[in-house]
Amino acid sequence: MDAHGQPFTQPGLVTNMSVGGLVIQGVMRKIRTGEILDVQMGQVKAQFRVVWVVNDGNGEIGLQRLTLHTFIAHSVLTHCAESAAAC
């Protein structure tokens, strides 16, 4: 949900990730800190809380992971494996 309570789907660019959260750029909807977002990568979803928002035109948000299940580690390993196979 955005700041107006409207559901939305928007692609974004993950610029930083850790076990505890993500930084995403390109979210142009108005988002408030404290909002809960479902982030989807492929077919897998995880819930995150918005902990900070930068309103400088890049649409950058910082997210804290809420769900026990996360796609981060698997996604990083898959990406690394695909990159290594291409070399």
C-alpha atoms as a PDB file:
ATOM      1  CA  MET A   1       0.000   0.000   0.000  1.00  0.00           C
ATOM      2  CA  ASP A   2       1.189   3.492  -0.715  1.00  0.00           C
ATOM      3  CA  ALA A   3       0.749   6.523   1.554  1.00  0.00           C
ATOM      4  CA  HIS A   4      -2.824   6.914   0.263  1.00  0.00           C
ATOM      5  CA  GLY A   5      -3.771   3.325   1.161  1.00  0.00           C
ATOM      6  CA  GLN A   6      -3.757   2.205  -2.471  1.00  0.00           C
ATOM      7  CA  PRO A   7      -2.198  -1.120  -3.478  1.00  0.00           C
ATOM      8  CA  PHE A   8       0.483  -0.842  -6.152  1.00  0.00           C
ATOM      9  CA  THR A   9       2.985  -2.876  -8.110  1.00  0.00           C
ATOM     10  CA  GLN A  10       6.173  -1.247  -9.300  1.00  0.00           C
ATOM     11  CA  PRO A  11       9.547  -2.614 -10.355  1.00  0.00           C
ATOM     12  CA  GLY A  12      12.530  -1.332  -8.401  1.00  0.00           C
ATOM     13  CA  LEU A  13      16.281  -1.715  -8.303  1.00  0.00           C
ATOM     14  CA  VAL A  14      17.802  -3.356  -5.216  1.00  0.00           C
ATOM     15  CA  THR A  15      20.960  -1.333  -4.533  1.00  0.00           C
ATOM     16  CA  ASN A  16      21.895  -2.923  -1.218  1.00  0.00           C
ATOM     17  CA  MET A  17      20.812  -6.054   0.612  1.00  0.00           C
ATOM     18  CA  SER A  18      21.576  -7.837   3.844  1.00  0.00           C
ATOM     19  CA  VAL A  19      20.009 -10.552   5.965  1.00  0.00           C
ATOM     20  CA  GLY A  20      17.981  -7.846   7.736  1.00  0.00           C
ATOM     21  CA  GLY A  21      16.807  -5.685   4.886  1.00  0.00           C
ATOM     22  CA  LEU A  22      17.001  -4.001   1.499  1.00  0.00           C
ATOM     23  CA  VAL A  23      17.579  -0.629  -0.083  1.00  0.00           C
ATOM     24  CA  ILE A  24      15.470  -0.152  -3.212  1.00  0.00           C
ATOM     25  CA  GLN A  25      15.568   2.689  -5.747  1.00  0.00           C
ATOM     26  CA  GLY A  26      12.885   3.638  -8.227  1.00  0.00           C
ATOM     27  CA  VAL A  27       9.809   3.610  -5.977  1.00  0.00           C
ATOM     28  CA  MET A  28       7.994   6.688  -7.232  1.00  0.00           C
ATOM     29  CA  ARG A  29       4.792   6.207  -5.231  1.00  0.00           C
ATOM     30  CA  LYS A  30       4.445   8.195  -2.013  1.00  0.00           C
ATOM     31  CA  ILE A  31       5.516   5.801   0.758  1.00  0.00           C
ATOM     32  CA  ARG A  32       5.545   6.497   4.513  1.00  0.00           C
ATOM     33  CA  THR A  33       7.897   5.096   7.111  1.00  0.00           C
ATOM     34  CA  GLY A  34       6.259   2.278   9.025  1.00  0.00           C
ATOM     35  CA  GLU A  35       4.331   0.989   5.999  1.00  0.00           C
ATOM     36  CA  ILE A  36       4.478  -2.776   5.388  1.00  0.00           C
ATOM     37  CA  LEU A  37       5.347  -3.813   1.834  1.00  0.00           C
ATOM     38  CA  ASP A  38       5.316  -7.199   0.122  1.00  0.00           C
ATOM     39  CA  VAL A  39       8.464  -7.414  -1.990  1.00  0.00           C
ATOM     40  CA  GLN A  40       8.467 -10.039  -4.710  1.00  0.00           C
ATOM     41  CA  MET A  41      11.437 -11.526  -6.529  1.00  0.00           C
ATOM     42  CA  GLY A  42      10.358 -14.085  -9.095  1.00  0.00           C
ATOM     43  CA  GLN A  43       7.552 -16.070  -7.500  1.00  0.00           C
ATOM     44  CA  VAL A  44       8.749 -15.566  -3.898  1.00  0.00           C
ATOM     45  CA  LYS A  45       7.428 -12.782  -1.632  1.00  0.00           C
ATOM     46  CA  ALA A  46       8.689 -11.448   1.690  1.00  0.00           C
ATOM     47  CA  GLN A  47       7.327  -8.684   3.934  1.00  0.00           C
ATOM     48  CA  PHE A  48       9.344  -5.606   4.828  1.00  0.00           C
ATOM     49  CA  ARG A  49       8.733  -2.463   6.910  1.00  0.00           C
ATOM     50  CA  VAL A  50       9.724   0.900   5.437  1.00  0.00           C
ATOM     51  CA  VAL A  51      12.273   2.434   7.827  1.00  0.00           C
ATOM     52  CA  TRP A  52      13.351   5.437   5.767  1.00  0.00           C
ATOM     53  CA  VAL A  53      12.436   7.259   2.574  1.00  0.00           C
ATOM     54  CA  VAL A  54      14.623   9.624   0.516  1.00  0.00           C
ATOM     55  CA  ASN A  55      12.580  12.089  -1.546  1.00  0.00           C
ATOM     56  CA  ASP A  56      15.313  13.242  -3.927  1.00  0.00           C
ATOM     57  CA  GLY A  57      13.817  12.017  -7.195  1.00  0.00           C
ATOM     58  CA  ASN A  58      15.426   8.540  -7.041  1.00  0.00           C
ATOM     59  CA  GLY A  59      12.615   7.006  -5.007  1.00  0.00           C
ATOM     60  CA  GLU A  60      15.006   5.325  -2.574  1.00  0.00           C
ATOM     61  CA  ILE A  61      13.593   3.444   0.420  1.00  0.00           C
ATOM     62  CA  GLY A  62      15.173   1.426   3.224  1.00  0.00           C
ATOM     63  CA  LEU A  63      13.333  -1.732   4.239  1.00  0.00           C
ATOM     64  CA  GLN A  64      13.593  -3.992   7.297  1.00  0.00           C
ATOM     65  CA  ARG A  65      12.762  -7.675   6.805  1.00  0.00           C
ATOM     66  CA  LEU A  66       9.744  -8.872   8.817  1.00  0.00           C
ATOM     67  CA  THR A  67       9.180 -12.436   7.624  1.00  0.00           C
ATOM     68  CA  LEU A  68      11.327 -15.362   8.667  1.00  0.00           C
ATOM     69  CA  HIS A  69      11.415 -16.628   5.106  1.00  0.00           C
ATOM     70  CA  THR A  70      13.455 -14.473   2.787  1.00  0.00           C
ATOM     71  CA  PHE A  71      14.510 -14.815  -0.820  1.00  0.00           C
ATOM     72  CA  ILE A  72      17.727 -12.854  -0.384  1.00  0.00           C
ATOM     73  CA  ALA A  73      20.306 -15.575   0.226  1.00  0.00           C
ATOM     74  CA  HIS A  74      18.892 -17.875  -2.452  1.00  0.00           C
ATOM     75  CA  SER A  75      18.685 -15.021  -4.969  1.00  0.00           C
ATOM     76  CA  VAL A  76      22.269 -13.952  -4.371  1.00  0.00           C
ATOM     77  CA  LEU A  77      23.536 -17.523  -4.756  1.00  0.00           C
ATOM     78  CA  THR A  78      21.488 -18.003  -7.926  1.00  0.00           C
ATOM     79  CA  HIS A  79      22.778 -14.738  -9.380  1.00  0.00           C
ATOM     80  CA  CYS A  80      26.376 -15.626  -8.521  1.00  0.00           C
ATOM     81  CA  ALA A  81      25.967 -19.102 -10.028  1.00  0.00           C
ATOM     82  CA  GLU A  82      24.524 -17.644 -13.222  1.00  0.00           C
ATOM     83  CA  SER A  83      27.362 -15.117 -13.440  1.00  0.00           C
ATOM     84  CA  ALA A  84      30.005 -17.782 -12.882  1.00  0.00           C
ATOM     85  CA  ALA A  85      28.455 -20.005 -15.555  1.00  0.00           C
ATOM     86  CA  ALA A  86      28.643 -17.141 -18.049  1.00  0.00           C
ATOM     87  CA  CYS A  87      32.406 -16.750 -17.583  1.00  0.00           C
END
